Amino acid sequence: MSWKEKEFEQIQKHADYGFHLIKNVHTVSLLVANCANQHHERLDGSGYPRGIKGDEIHYFGKIIAVADVFDVVTSNWVYRKAMLPHQGLEVLYAGVGKKFDNTIIEAFRRAIAIILMVYP
């Protein structure tokens, strides 16, 4: 296994770490912990940490996944500059039906368009 594969394996553990931290906060619903754990799961089962798919992913987990991907691709990182918002939406649309739920992306698009108009 290459160092990049090992590093990615470690990075993937953050979903489980977050789940365990959140579930131990007694004022936060277990549903919140489960949805945080699912934010990298994908409709086609290609996500992590569990590789669940379709309706096995909670609806809120699907929403968080869309918001997370948009946030990641429209943010600056040490290895890459941020995409523009319309490019971030293109990334989401490229995954419609395979990675992401179309209804959620459409609702997100309508909401983000309003936010970008108010807070450019």
PDB file of N, CA and C in Angstrom:
ATOM      1  N   MET A   1       0.855  -1.179   0.000  1.00  0.00           N
ATOM      2  CA  MET A   1       0.000   0.000   0.000  1.00  0.00           C
ATOM      3  C   MET A   1       0.902   1.244   0.000  1.00  0.00           C
ATOM      4  N   SER A   2       0.597   2.188  -0.870  1.00  0.00           N
ATOM      5  CA  SER A   2       1.401   3.407  -0.964  1.00  0.00           C
ATOM      6  C   SER A   2       1.108   4.328   0.217  1.00  0.00           C
ATOM      7  N   TRP A   3       1.964   5.312   0.420  1.00  0.00           N
ATOM      8  CA  TRP A   3       1.749   6.255   1.520  1.00  0.00           C
ATOM      9  C   TRP A   3       0.487   7.065   1.297  1.00  0.00           C
ATOM     10  N   LYS A   4       0.142   7.339   0.032  1.00  0.00           N
ATOM     11  CA  LYS A   4      -1.094   8.083  -0.245  1.00  0.00           C
ATOM     12  C   LYS A   4      -2.320   7.262   0.141  1.00  0.00           C
ATOM     13  N   GLU A   5      -2.287   5.976  -0.156  1.00  0.00           N
ATOM     14  CA  GLU A   5      -3.400   5.096   0.216  1.00  0.00           C
ATOM     15  C   GLU A   5      -3.520   4.993   1.733  1.00  0.00           C
ATOM     16  N   LYS A   6      -2.384   4.890   2.406  1.00  0.00           N
ATOM     17  CA  LYS A   6      -2.393   4.832   3.870  1.00  0.00           C
ATOM     18  C   LYS A   6      -2.928   6.136   4.454  1.00  0.00           C
ATOM     19  N   GLU A   7      -2.505   7.246   3.872  1.00  0.00           N
ATOM     20  CA  GLU A   7      -2.967   8.544   4.356  1.00  0.00           C
ATOM     21  C   GLU A   7      -4.473   8.690   4.148  1.00  0.00           C
ATOM     22  N   PHE A   8      -4.968   8.280   2.985  1.00  0.00           N
ATOM     23  CA  PHE A   8      -6.396   8.371   2.712  1.00  0.00           C
ATOM     24  C   PHE A   8      -7.184   7.469   3.649  1.00  0.00           C
ATOM     25  N   GLU A   9      -6.639   6.307   3.959  1.00  0.00           N
ATOM     26  CA  GLU A   9      -7.275   5.395   4.908  1.00  0.00           C
ATOM     27  C   GLU A   9      -7.433   6.076   6.271  1.00  0.00           C
ATOM     28  N   GLN A  10      -6.425   6.806   6.682  1.00  0.00           N
ATOM     29  CA  GLN A  10      -6.488   7.537   7.955  1.00  0.00           C
ATOM     30  C   GLN A  10      -7.516   8.668   7.879  1.00  0.00           C
ATOM     31  N   ILE A  11      -7.519   9.392   6.769  1.00  0.00           N
ATOM     32  CA  ILE A  11      -8.458  10.498   6.591  1.00  0.00           C
ATOM     33  C   ILE A  11      -9.899   9.990   6.667  1.00  0.00           C
ATOM     34  N   GLN A  12     -10.153   8.842   6.085  1.00  0.00           N
ATOM     35  CA  GLN A  12     -11.505   8.286   6.070  1.00  0.00           C
ATOM     36  C   GLN A  12     -12.024   7.984   7.468  1.00  0.00           C
ATOM     37  N   LYS A  13     -11.159   7.817   8.415  1.00  0.00           N
ATOM     38  CA  LYS A  13     -11.582   7.497   9.780  1.00  0.00           C
ATOM     39  C   LYS A  13     -12.262   8.672  10.477  1.00  0.00           C
ATOM     40  N   HIS A  14     -12.154   9.879   9.909  1.00  0.00           N
ATOM     41  CA  HIS A  14     -12.734  11.035  10.603  1.00  0.00           C
ATOM     42  C   HIS A  14     -14.250  10.924  10.757  1.00  0.00           C
ATOM     43  N   ALA A  15     -14.918  10.246   9.839  1.00  0.00           N
ATOM     44  CA  ALA A  15     -16.372  10.089   9.950  1.00  0.00           C
ATOM     45  C   ALA A  15     -16.732   9.253  11.181  1.00  0.00           C
ATOM     46  N   ASP A  16     -16.001   8.183  11.405  1.00  0.00           N
ATOM     47  CA  ASP A  16     -16.239   7.352  12.596  1.00  0.00           C
ATOM     48  C   ASP A  16     -15.832   8.078  13.874  1.00  0.00           C
ATOM     49  N   TYR A  17     -14.710   8.777  13.826  1.00  0.00           N
ATOM     50  CA  TYR A  17     -14.279   9.540  15.002  1.00  0.00           C
ATOM     51  C   TYR A  17     -15.346  10.562  15.391  1.00  0.00           C
ATOM     52  N   GLY A  18     -15.858  11.279  14.400  1.00  0.00           N
ATOM     53  CA  GLY A  18     -16.901  12.271  14.658  1.00  0.00           C
ATOM     54  C   GLY A  18     -18.152  11.640  15.235  1.00  0.00           C
ATOM     55  N   PHE A  19     -18.540  10.480  14.674  1.00  0.00           N
ATOM     56  CA  PHE A  19     -19.711   9.771  15.189  1.00  0.00           C
ATOM     57  C   PHE A  19     -19.545   9.471  16.672  1.00  0.00           C
ATOM     58  N   HIS A  20     -18.404   8.915  17.053  1.00  0.00           N
ATOM     59  CA  HIS A  20     -18.182   8.534  18.451  1.00  0.00           C
ATOM     60  C   HIS A  20     -18.128   9.750  19.374  1.00  0.00           C
ATOM     61  N   LEU A  21     -17.571  10.841  18.896  1.00  0.00           N
ATOM     62  CA  LEU A  21     -17.556  12.059  19.713  1.00  0.00           C
ATOM     63  C   LEU A  21     -18.968  12.605  19.919  1.00  0.00           C
ATOM     64  N   ILE A  22     -19.731  12.683  18.834  1.00  0.00           N
ATOM     65  CA  ILE A  22     -21.081  13.271  18.906  1.00  0.00           C
ATOM     66  C   ILE A  22     -22.031  12.380  19.703  1.00  0.00           C
ATOM     67  N   LYS A  23     -21.959  11.069  19.512  1.00  0.00           N
ATOM     68  CA  LYS A  23     -22.903  10.181  20.222  1.00  0.00           C
ATOM     69  C   LYS A  23     -22.718  10.227  21.730  1.00  0.00           C
ATOM     70  N   ASN A  24     -21.555  10.644  22.189  1.00  0.00           N
ATOM     71  CA  ASN A  24     -21.306  10.750  23.626  1.00  0.00           C
ATOM     72  C   ASN A  24     -21.735  12.085  24.218  1.00  0.00           C
ATOM     73  N   VAL A  25     -22.256  12.972  23.376  1.00  0.00           N
ATOM     74  CA  VAL A  25     -22.811  14.237  23.861  1.00  0.00           C
ATOM     75  C   VAL A  25     -24.295  13.983  24.103  1.00  0.00           C
ATOM     76  N   HIS A  26     -24.677  13.875  25.349  1.00  0.00           N
ATOM     77  CA  HIS A  26     -26.028  13.430  25.692  1.00  0.00           C
ATOM     78  C   HIS A  26     -27.126  14.432  25.349  1.00  0.00           C
ATOM     79  N   THR A  27     -26.757  15.658  25.041  1.00  0.00           N
ATOM     80  CA  THR A  27     -27.749  16.659  24.653  1.00  0.00           C
ATOM     81  C   THR A  27     -27.964  16.684  23.143  1.00  0.00           C
ATOM     82  N   VAL A  28     -27.256  15.823  22.410  1.00  0.00           N
ATOM     83  CA  VAL A  28     -27.381  15.762  20.952  1.00  0.00           C
ATOM     84  C   VAL A  28     -27.977  14.405  20.571  1.00  0.00           C
ATOM     85  N   SER A  29     -28.942  14.441  19.679  1.00  0.00           N
ATOM     86  CA  SER A  29     -29.615  13.224  19.229  1.00  0.00           C
ATOM     87  C   SER A  29     -28.638  12.265  18.551  1.00  0.00           C
ATOM     88  N   LEU A  30     -28.880  10.972  18.739  1.00  0.00           N
ATOM     89  CA  LEU A  30     -28.089   9.952  18.059  1.00  0.00           C
ATOM     90  C   LEU A  30     -28.244  10.077  16.536  1.00  0.00           C
ATOM     91  N   LEU A  31     -29.394  10.592  16.086  1.00  0.00           N
ATOM     92  CA  LEU A  31     -29.610  10.823  14.658  1.00  0.00           C
ATOM     93  C   LEU A  31     -28.547  11.777  14.101  1.00  0.00           C
ATOM     94  N   VAL A  32     -28.214  12.807  14.849  1.00  0.00           N
ATOM     95  CA  VAL A  32     -27.180  13.755  14.421  1.00  0.00           C
ATOM     96  C   VAL A  32     -25.848  13.037  14.249  1.00  0.00           C
ATOM     97  N   ALA A  33     -25.493  12.196  15.196  1.00  0.00           N
ATOM     98  CA  ALA A  33     -24.241  11.442  15.107  1.00  0.00           C
ATOM     99  C   ALA A  33     -24.247  10.521  13.889  1.00  0.00           C
ATOM    100  N   ASN A  34     -25.356   9.844  13.653  1.00  0.00           N
ATOM    101  CA  ASN A  34     -25.455   8.948  12.497  1.00  0.00           C
ATOM    102  C   ASN A  34     -25.342   9.705  11.187  1.00  0.00           C
ATOM    103  N   CYS A  35     -25.995  10.838  11.086  1.00  0.00           N
ATOM    104  CA  CYS A  35     -25.931  11.621   9.850  1.00  0.00           C
ATOM    105  C   CYS A  35     -24.537  12.198   9.623  1.00  0.00           C
ATOM    106  N   ALA A  36     -23.882  12.613  10.683  1.00  0.00           N
ATOM    107  CA  ALA A  36     -22.495  13.081  10.551  1.00  0.00           C
ATOM    108  C   ALA A  36     -21.611  11.936  10.059  1.00  0.00           C
ATOM    109  N   ASN A  37     -21.884  10.740  10.536  1.00  0.00           N
ATOM    110  CA  ASN A  37     -21.122   9.566  10.119  1.00  0.00           C
ATOM    111  C   ASN A  37     -21.335   9.251   8.644  1.00  0.00           C
ATOM    112  N   GLN A  38     -22.472   9.649   8.099  1.00  0.00           N
ATOM    113  CA  GLN A  38     -22.833   9.302   6.724  1.00  0.00           C
ATOM    114  C   GLN A  38     -22.479  10.384   5.697  1.00  0.00           C
ATOM    115  N   HIS A  39     -21.835  11.447   6.083  1.00  0.00           N
ATOM    116  CA  HIS A  39     -21.654  12.562   5.147  1.00  0.00           C
ATOM    117  C   HIS A  39     -20.730  12.268   3.972  1.00  0.00           C
ATOM    118  N   HIS A  40     -20.048  11.125   3.977  1.00  0.00           N
ATOM    119  CA  HIS A  40     -19.245  10.716   2.821  1.00  0.00           C
ATOM    120  C   HIS A  40     -19.807   9.480   2.126  1.00  0.00           C
ATOM    121  N   GLU A  41     -20.982   9.035   2.537  1.00  0.00           N
ATOM    122  CA  GLU A  41     -21.633   7.916   1.854  1.00  0.00           C
ATOM    123  C   GLU A  41     -22.251   8.440   0.553  1.00  0.00           C
ATOM    124  N   ARG A  42     -22.360   7.562  -0.437  1.00  0.00           N
ATOM    125  CA  ARG A  42     -22.886   7.942  -1.739  1.00  0.00           C
ATOM    126  C   ARG A  42     -23.984   6.974  -2.162  1.00  0.00           C
ATOM    127  N   LEU A  43     -24.932   7.459  -2.960  1.00  0.00           N
ATOM    128  CA  LEU A  43     -26.082   6.651  -3.363  1.00  0.00           C
ATOM    129  C   LEU A  43     -25.682   5.313  -3.961  1.00  0.00           C
ATOM    130  N   ASP A  44     -24.584   5.272  -4.708  1.00  0.00           N
ATOM    131  CA  ASP A  44     -24.167   4.052  -5.389  1.00  0.00           C
ATOM    132  C   ASP A  44     -23.317   3.127  -4.517  1.00  0.00           C
ATOM    133  N   GLY A  45     -23.129   3.486  -3.248  1.00  0.00           N
ATOM    134  CA  GLY A  45     -22.350   2.650  -2.340  1.00  0.00           C
ATOM    135  C   GLY A  45     -20.848   2.884  -2.389  1.00  0.00           C
ATOM    136  N   SER A  46     -20.408   3.880  -3.164  1.00  0.00           N
ATOM    137  CA  SER A  46     -18.974   4.123  -3.333  1.00  0.00           C
ATOM    138  C   SER A  46     -18.359   4.965  -2.218  1.00  0.00           C
ATOM    139  N   GLY A  47     -19.170   5.407  -1.277  1.00  0.00           N
ATOM    140  CA  GLY A  47     -18.662   6.269  -0.207  1.00  0.00           C
ATOM    141  C   GLY A  47     -18.082   5.492   0.965  1.00  0.00           C
ATOM    142  N   TYR A  48     -17.847   6.221   2.023  1.00  0.00           N
ATOM    143  CA  TYR A  48     -17.290   5.625   3.247  1.00  0.00           C
ATOM    144  C   TYR A  48     -17.910   6.321   4.440  1.00  0.00           C
ATOM    145  N   PRO A  49     -17.886   5.750   5.623  1.00  0.00           N
ATOM    146  CA  PRO A  49     -17.038   4.650   6.082  1.00  0.00           C
ATOM    147  C   PRO A  49     -17.625   3.250   5.867  1.00  0.00           C
ATOM    148  N   ARG A  50     -18.933   3.150   5.625  1.00  0.00           N
ATOM    149  CA  ARG A  50     -19.536   1.815   5.585  1.00  0.00           C
ATOM    150  C   ARG A  50     -19.889   1.341   4.183  1.00  0.00           C
ATOM    151  N   GLY A  51     -19.828   2.216   3.200  1.00  0.00           N
ATOM    152  CA  GLY A  51     -20.178   1.822   1.837  1.00  0.00           C
ATOM    153  C   GLY A  51     -21.654   1.526   1.661  1.00  0.00           C
ATOM    154  N   ILE A  52     -22.490   2.176   2.496  1.00  0.00           N
ATOM    155  CA  ILE A  52     -23.935   1.966   2.372  1.00  0.00           C
ATOM    156  C   ILE A  52     -24.447   2.742   1.164  1.00  0.00           C
ATOM    157  N   LYS A  53     -25.654   2.409   0.714  1.00  0.00           N
ATOM    158  CA  LYS A  53     -26.153   3.070  -0.492  1.00  0.00           C
ATOM    159  C   LYS A  53     -27.655   3.303  -0.427  1.00  0.00           C
ATOM    160  N   GLY A  54     -28.120   4.132  -1.362  1.00  0.00           N
ATOM    161  CA  GLY A  54     -29.539   4.396  -1.528  1.00  0.00           C
ATOM    162  C   GLY A  54     -30.239   4.767  -0.239  1.00  0.00           C
ATOM    163  N   ASP A  55     -31.333   4.055   0.036  1.00  0.00           N
ATOM    164  CA  ASP A  55     -32.154   4.358   1.211  1.00  0.00           C
ATOM    165  C   ASP A  55     -31.520   3.942   2.531  1.00  0.00           C
ATOM    166  N   GLU A  56     -30.371   3.276   2.481  1.00  0.00           N
ATOM    167  CA  GLU A  56     -29.646   2.974   3.720  1.00  0.00           C
ATOM    168  C   GLU A  56     -29.060   4.264   4.317  1.00  0.00           C
ATOM    169  N   ILE A  57     -28.895   5.266   3.469  1.00  0.00           N
ATOM    170  CA  ILE A  57     -28.366   6.562   3.916  1.00  0.00           C
ATOM    171  C   ILE A  57     -29.551   7.423   4.352  1.00  0.00           C
ATOM    172  N   HIS A  58     -29.493   7.955   5.548  1.00  0.00           N
ATOM    173  CA  HIS A  58     -30.573   8.811   6.043  1.00  0.00           C
ATOM    174  C   HIS A  58     -30.689  10.047   5.144  1.00  0.00           C
ATOM    175  N   TYR A  59     -31.903  10.527   4.975  1.00  0.00           N
ATOM    176  CA  TYR A  59     -32.137  11.703   4.131  1.00  0.00           C
ATOM    177  C   TYR A  59     -31.269  12.889   4.569  1.00  0.00           C
ATOM    178  N   PHE A  60     -31.142  13.093   5.872  1.00  0.00           N
ATOM    179  CA  PHE A  60     -30.301  14.191   6.367  1.00  0.00           C
ATOM    180  C   PHE A  60     -28.830  13.958   6.023  1.00  0.00           C
ATOM    181  N   GLY A  61     -28.390  12.709   6.041  1.00  0.00           N
ATOM    182  CA  GLY A  61     -27.021  12.382   5.640  1.00  0.00           C
ATOM    183  C   GLY A  61     -26.777  12.739   4.180  1.00  0.00           C
ATOM    184  N   LYS A  62     -27.800  12.515   3.348  1.00  0.00           N
ATOM    185  CA  LYS A  62     -27.702  12.870   1.925  1.00  0.00           C
ATOM    186  C   LYS A  62     -27.597  14.385   1.746  1.00  0.00           C
ATOM    187  N   ILE A  63     -28.330  15.123   2.566  1.00  0.00           N
ATOM    188  CA  ILE A  63     -28.275  16.594   2.508  1.00  0.00           C
ATOM    189  C   ILE A  63     -26.891  17.077   2.927  1.00  0.00           C
ATOM    190  N   ILE A  64     -26.385  16.538   4.021  1.00  0.00           N
ATOM    191  CA  ILE A  64     -25.066  16.936   4.517  1.00  0.00           C
ATOM    192  C   ILE A  64     -23.991  16.622   3.476  1.00  0.00           C
ATOM    193  N   ALA A  65     -24.119  15.499   2.781  1.00  0.00           N
ATOM    194  CA  ALA A  65     -23.141  15.124   1.755  1.00  0.00           C
ATOM    195  C   ALA A  65     -23.070  16.175   0.653  1.00  0.00           C
ATOM    196  N   VAL A  66     -24.216  16.651   0.197  1.00  0.00           N
ATOM    197  CA  VAL A  66     -24.253  17.671  -0.854  1.00  0.00           C
ATOM    198  C   VAL A  66     -23.609  18.963  -0.364  1.00  0.00           C
ATOM    199  N   ALA A  67     -23.990  19.401   0.829  1.00  0.00           N
ATOM    200  CA  ALA A  67     -23.423  20.632   1.383  1.00  0.00           C
ATOM    201  C   ALA A  67     -21.911  20.498   1.589  1.00  0.00           C
ATOM    202  N   ASP A  68     -21.475  19.337   2.060  1.00  0.00           N
ATOM    203  CA  ASP A  68     -20.050  19.102   2.314  1.00  0.00           C
ATOM    204  C   ASP A  68     -19.243  19.166   1.022  1.00  0.00           C
ATOM    205  N   VAL A  69     -19.709  18.500  -0.025  1.00  0.00           N
ATOM    206  CA  VAL A  69     -18.973  18.510  -1.294  1.00  0.00           C
ATOM    207  C   VAL A  69     -18.895  19.932  -1.840  1.00  0.00           C
ATOM    208  N   PHE A  70     -20.003  20.643  -1.805  1.00  0.00           N
ATOM    209  CA  PHE A  70     -19.990  22.023  -2.300  1.00  0.00           C
ATOM    210  C   PHE A  70     -19.002  22.868  -1.495  1.00  0.00           C
ATOM    211  N   ASP A  71     -19.027  22.722  -0.183  1.00  0.00           N
ATOM    212  CA  ASP A  71     -18.111  23.476   0.672  1.00  0.00           C
ATOM    213  C   ASP A  71     -16.655  23.148   0.346  1.00  0.00           C
ATOM    214  N   VAL A  72     -16.360  21.872   0.182  1.00  0.00           N
ATOM    215  CA  VAL A  72     -14.979  21.454  -0.093  1.00  0.00           C
ATOM    216  C   VAL A  72     -14.495  22.012  -1.426  1.00  0.00           C
ATOM    217  N   VAL A  73     -15.285  21.877  -2.470  1.00  0.00           N
ATOM    218  CA  VAL A  73     -14.801  22.308  -3.791  1.00  0.00           C
ATOM    219  C   VAL A  73     -14.798  23.822  -3.968  1.00  0.00           C
ATOM    220  N   THR A  74     -15.576  24.550  -3.161  1.00  0.00           N
ATOM    221  CA  THR A  74     -15.599  26.016  -3.279  1.00  0.00           C
ATOM    222  C   THR A  74     -14.730  26.689  -2.217  1.00  0.00           C
ATOM    223  N   SER A  75     -13.884  25.919  -1.546  1.00  0.00           N
ATOM    224  CA  SER A  75     -12.960  26.448  -0.535  1.00  0.00           C
ATOM    225  C   SER A  75     -11.523  26.302  -1.028  1.00  0.00           C
ATOM    226  N   ASN A  76     -10.670  27.214  -0.583  1.00  0.00           N
ATOM    227  CA  ASN A  76      -9.252  27.119  -0.895  1.00  0.00           C
ATOM    228  C   ASN A  76      -8.598  26.064   0.000  1.00  0.00           C
ATOM    229  N   TRP A  77      -7.716  25.292  -0.590  1.00  0.00           N
ATOM    230  CA  TRP A  77      -6.961  24.257   0.113  1.00  0.00           C
ATOM    231  C   TRP A  77      -5.494  24.433  -0.263  1.00  0.00           C
ATOM    232  N   VAL A  78      -4.603  23.877   0.512  1.00  0.00           N
ATOM    233  CA  VAL A  78      -3.176  24.020   0.218  1.00  0.00           C
ATOM    234  C   VAL A  78      -2.823  23.386  -1.120  1.00  0.00           C
ATOM    235  N   TYR A  79      -3.593  22.400  -1.552  1.00  0.00           N
ATOM    236  CA  TYR A  79      -3.295  21.687  -2.788  1.00  0.00           C
ATOM    237  C   TYR A  79      -4.137  22.154  -3.980  1.00  0.00           C
ATOM    238  N   ARG A  80      -5.099  23.080  -3.746  1.00  0.00           N
ATOM    239  CA  ARG A  80      -5.965  23.499  -4.843  1.00  0.00           C
ATOM    240  C   ARG A  80      -6.706  24.787  -4.494  1.00  0.00           C
ATOM    241  N   LYS A  81      -6.892  25.629  -5.508  1.00  0.00           N
ATOM    242  CA  LYS A  81      -7.679  26.843  -5.322  1.00  0.00           C
ATOM    243  C   LYS A  81      -9.171  26.506  -5.371  1.00  0.00           C
ATOM    244  N   ALA A  82      -9.956  27.365  -4.758  1.00  0.00           N
ATOM    245  CA  ALA A  82     -11.404  27.174  -4.719  1.00  0.00           C
ATOM    246  C   ALA A  82     -12.016  27.290  -6.108  1.00  0.00           C
ATOM    247  N   MET A  83     -13.023  26.476  -6.346  1.00  0.00           N
ATOM    248  CA  MET A  83     -13.831  26.613  -7.555  1.00  0.00           C
ATOM    249  C   MET A  83     -14.845  27.728  -7.324  1.00  0.00           C
ATOM    250  N   LEU A  84     -15.340  28.285  -8.397  1.00  0.00           N
ATOM    251  CA  LEU A  84     -16.436  29.241  -8.302  1.00  0.00           C
ATOM    252  C   LEU A  84     -17.719  28.472  -7.989  1.00  0.00           C
ATOM    253  N   PRO A  85     -18.706  29.134  -7.387  1.00  0.00           N
ATOM    254  CA  PRO A  85     -19.939  28.428  -7.019  1.00  0.00           C
ATOM    255  C   PRO A  85     -20.602  27.666  -8.167  1.00  0.00           C
ATOM    256  N   HIS A  86     -20.636  28.250  -9.358  1.00  0.00           N
ATOM    257  CA  HIS A  86     -21.282  27.535 -10.468  1.00  0.00           C
ATOM    258  C   HIS A  86     -20.496  26.274 -10.849  1.00  0.00           C
ATOM    259  N   GLN A  87     -19.187  26.297 -10.656  1.00  0.00           N
ATOM    260  CA  GLN A  87     -18.381  25.104 -10.907  1.00  0.00           C
ATOM    261  C   GLN A  87     -18.644  24.035  -9.840  1.00  0.00           C
ATOM    262  N   GLY A  88     -18.836  24.483  -8.607  1.00  0.00           N
ATOM    263  CA  GLY A  88     -19.185  23.554  -7.538  1.00  0.00           C
ATOM    264  C   GLY A  88     -20.503  22.861  -7.811  1.00  0.00           C
ATOM    265  N   LEU A  89     -21.474  23.601  -8.329  1.00  0.00           N
ATOM    266  CA  LEU A  89     -22.758  22.992  -8.695  1.00  0.00           C
ATOM    267  C   LEU A  89     -22.581  21.989  -9.825  1.00  0.00           C
ATOM    268  N   GLU A  90     -21.680  22.282 -10.766  1.00  0.00           N
ATOM    269  CA  GLU A  90     -21.409  21.337 -11.854  1.00  0.00           C
ATOM    270  C   GLU A  90     -20.867  20.015 -11.310  1.00  0.00           C
ATOM    271  N   VAL A  91     -20.012  20.093 -10.291  1.00  0.00           N
ATOM    272  CA  VAL A  91     -19.497  18.871  -9.657  1.00  0.00           C
ATOM    273  C   VAL A  91     -20.652  18.064  -9.077  1.00  0.00           C
ATOM    274  N   LEU A  92     -21.573  18.741  -8.399  1.00  0.00           N
ATOM    275  CA  LEU A  92     -22.726  18.050  -7.825  1.00  0.00           C
ATOM    276  C   LEU A  92     -23.598  17.437  -8.916  1.00  0.00           C
ATOM    277  N   TYR A  93     -23.896  18.214  -9.959  1.00  0.00           N
ATOM    278  CA  TYR A  93     -24.744  17.701 -11.042  1.00  0.00           C
ATOM    279  C   TYR A  93     -24.101  16.512 -11.753  1.00  0.00           C
ATOM    280  N   ALA A  94     -22.780  16.474 -11.805  1.00  0.00           N
ATOM    281  CA  ALA A  94     -22.089  15.340 -12.428  1.00  0.00           C
ATOM    282  C   ALA A  94     -22.354  14.048 -11.653  1.00  0.00           C
ATOM    283  N   GLY A  95     -22.709  14.170 -10.384  1.00  0.00           N
ATOM    284  CA  GLY A  95     -22.971  12.993  -9.565  1.00  0.00           C
ATOM    285  C   GLY A  95     -24.433  12.678  -9.340  1.00  0.00           C
ATOM    286  N   VAL A  96     -25.337  13.389 -10.030  1.00  0.00           N
ATOM    287  CA  VAL A  96     -26.776  13.167  -9.835  1.00  0.00           C
ATOM    288  C   VAL A  96     -27.148  11.721 -10.156  1.00  0.00           C
ATOM    289  N   GLY A  97     -27.898  11.114  -9.233  1.00  0.00           N
ATOM    290  CA  GLY A  97     -28.395   9.760  -9.430  1.00  0.00           C
ATOM    291  C   GLY A  97     -27.383   8.687  -9.086  1.00  0.00           C
ATOM    292  N   LYS A  98     -26.110   8.996  -9.206  1.00  0.00           N
ATOM    293  CA  LYS A  98     -25.050   8.029  -8.917  1.00  0.00           C
ATOM    294  C   LYS A  98     -24.485   8.274  -7.518  1.00  0.00           C
ATOM    295  N   LYS A  99     -24.167   9.514  -7.247  1.00  0.00           N
ATOM    296  CA  LYS A  99     -23.575   9.889  -5.966  1.00  0.00           C
ATOM    297  C   LYS A  99     -24.570  10.648  -5.083  1.00  0.00           C
ATOM    298  N   PHE A 100     -25.355  11.531  -5.716  1.00  0.00           N
ATOM    299  CA  PHE A 100     -26.213  12.452  -4.966  1.00  0.00           C
ATOM    300  C   PHE A 100     -27.652  12.402  -5.462  1.00  0.00           C
ATOM    301  N   ASP A 101     -28.563  12.759  -4.567  1.00  0.00           N
ATOM    302  CA  ASP A 101     -29.994  12.804  -4.853  1.00  0.00           C
ATOM    303  C   ASP A 101     -30.325  14.096  -5.614  1.00  0.00           C
ATOM    304  N   ASN A 102     -30.961  13.963  -6.764  1.00  0.00           N
ATOM    305  CA  ASN A 102     -31.280  15.120  -7.599  1.00  0.00           C
ATOM    306  C   ASN A 102     -32.182  16.122  -6.886  1.00  0.00           C
ATOM    307  N   THR A 103     -33.178  15.651  -6.145  1.00  0.00           N
ATOM    308  CA  THR A 103     -34.100  16.550  -5.447  1.00  0.00           C
ATOM    309  C   THR A 103     -33.346  17.425  -4.448  1.00  0.00           C
ATOM    310  N   ILE A 104     -32.387  16.839  -3.772  1.00  0.00           N
ATOM    311  CA  ILE A 104     -31.592  17.593  -2.801  1.00  0.00           C
ATOM    312  C   ILE A 104     -30.712  18.615  -3.507  1.00  0.00           C
ATOM    313  N   ILE A 105     -30.104  18.221  -4.610  1.00  0.00           N
ATOM    314  CA  ILE A 105     -29.256  19.169  -5.350  1.00  0.00           C
ATOM    315  C   ILE A 105     -30.087  20.330  -5.876  1.00  0.00           C
ATOM    316  N   GLU A 106     -31.257  20.053  -6.379  1.00  0.00           N
ATOM    317  CA  GLU A 106     -32.120  21.136  -6.885  1.00  0.00           C
ATOM    318  C   GLU A 106     -32.501  22.100  -5.763  1.00  0.00           C
ATOM    319  N   ALA A 107     -32.878  21.565  -4.609  1.00  0.00           N
ATOM    320  CA  ALA A 107     -33.214  22.432  -3.466  1.00  0.00           C
ATOM    321  C   ALA A 107     -31.988  23.230  -3.034  1.00  0.00           C
ATOM    322  N   PHE A 108     -30.835  22.587  -3.018  1.00  0.00           N
ATOM    323  CA  PHE A 108     -29.592  23.261  -2.656  1.00  0.00           C
ATOM    324  C   PHE A 108     -29.280  24.379  -3.647  1.00  0.00           C
ATOM    325  N   ARG A 109     -29.429  24.091  -4.934  1.00  0.00           N
ATOM    326  CA  ARG A 109     -29.170  25.105  -5.970  1.00  0.00           C
ATOM    327  C   ARG A 109     -30.051  26.333  -5.770  1.00  0.00           C
ATOM    328  N   ARG A 110     -31.322  26.104  -5.498  1.00  0.00           N
ATOM    329  CA  ARG A 110     -32.229  27.242  -5.289  1.00  0.00           C
ATOM    330  C   ARG A 110     -31.829  28.035  -4.051  1.00  0.00           C
ATOM    331  N   ALA A 111     -31.442  27.345  -2.994  1.00  0.00           N
ATOM    332  CA  ALA A 111     -31.054  28.020  -1.749  1.00  0.00           C
ATOM    333  C   ALA A 111     -29.731  28.754  -1.909  1.00  0.00           C
ATOM    334  N   ILE A 112     -28.758  28.142  -2.541  1.00  0.00           N
ATOM    335  CA  ILE A 112     -27.436  28.756  -2.662  1.00  0.00           C
ATOM    336  C   ILE A 112     -27.486  29.952  -3.599  1.00  0.00           C
ATOM    337  N   ALA A 113     -28.337  29.926  -4.612  1.00  0.00           N
ATOM    338  CA  ALA A 113     -28.462  31.065  -5.518  1.00  0.00           C
ATOM    339  C   ALA A 113     -28.937  32.295  -4.753  1.00  0.00           C
ATOM    340  N   ILE A 114     -29.855  32.108  -3.841  1.00  0.00           N
ATOM    341  CA  ILE A 114     -30.356  33.229  -3.041  1.00  0.00           C
ATOM    342  C   ILE A 114     -29.257  33.744  -2.111  1.00  0.00           C
ATOM    343  N   ILE A 115     -28.536  32.852  -1.468  1.00  0.00           N
ATOM    344  CA  ILE A 115     -27.464  33.258  -0.570  1.00  0.00           C
ATOM    345  C   ILE A 115     -26.385  34.033  -1.312  1.00  0.00           C
ATOM    346  N   LEU A 116     -26.004  33.562  -2.505  1.00  0.00           N
ATOM    347  CA  LEU A 116     -24.959  34.223  -3.273  1.00  0.00           C
ATOM    348  C   LEU A 116     -25.403  35.596  -3.762  1.00  0.00           C
ATOM    349  N   MET A 117     -26.699  35.773  -3.979  1.00  0.00           N
ATOM    350  CA  MET A 117     -27.199  37.079  -4.395  1.00  0.00           C
ATOM    351  C   MET A 117     -27.196  38.055  -3.223  1.00  0.00           C
ATOM    352  N   VAL A 118     -27.479  37.565  -2.032  1.00  0.00           N
ATOM    353  CA  VAL A 118     -27.544  38.418  -0.843  1.00  0.00           C
ATOM    354  C   VAL A 118     -26.154  38.672  -0.258  1.00  0.00           C
ATOM    355  N   TYR A 119     -25.323  37.627  -0.254  1.00  0.00           N
ATOM    356  CA  TYR A 119     -23.976  37.713   0.339  1.00  0.00           C
ATOM    357  C   TYR A 119     -22.921  37.367  -0.709  1.00  0.00           C
ATOM    358  N   PRO A 120     -22.668  38.259  -1.661  1.00  0.00           N
ATOM    359  CA  PRO A 120     -21.724  37.924  -2.746  1.00  0.00           C
ATOM    360  C   PRO A 120     -20.310  37.718  -2.256  1.00  0.00           C
TER     361      PRO A 120
END
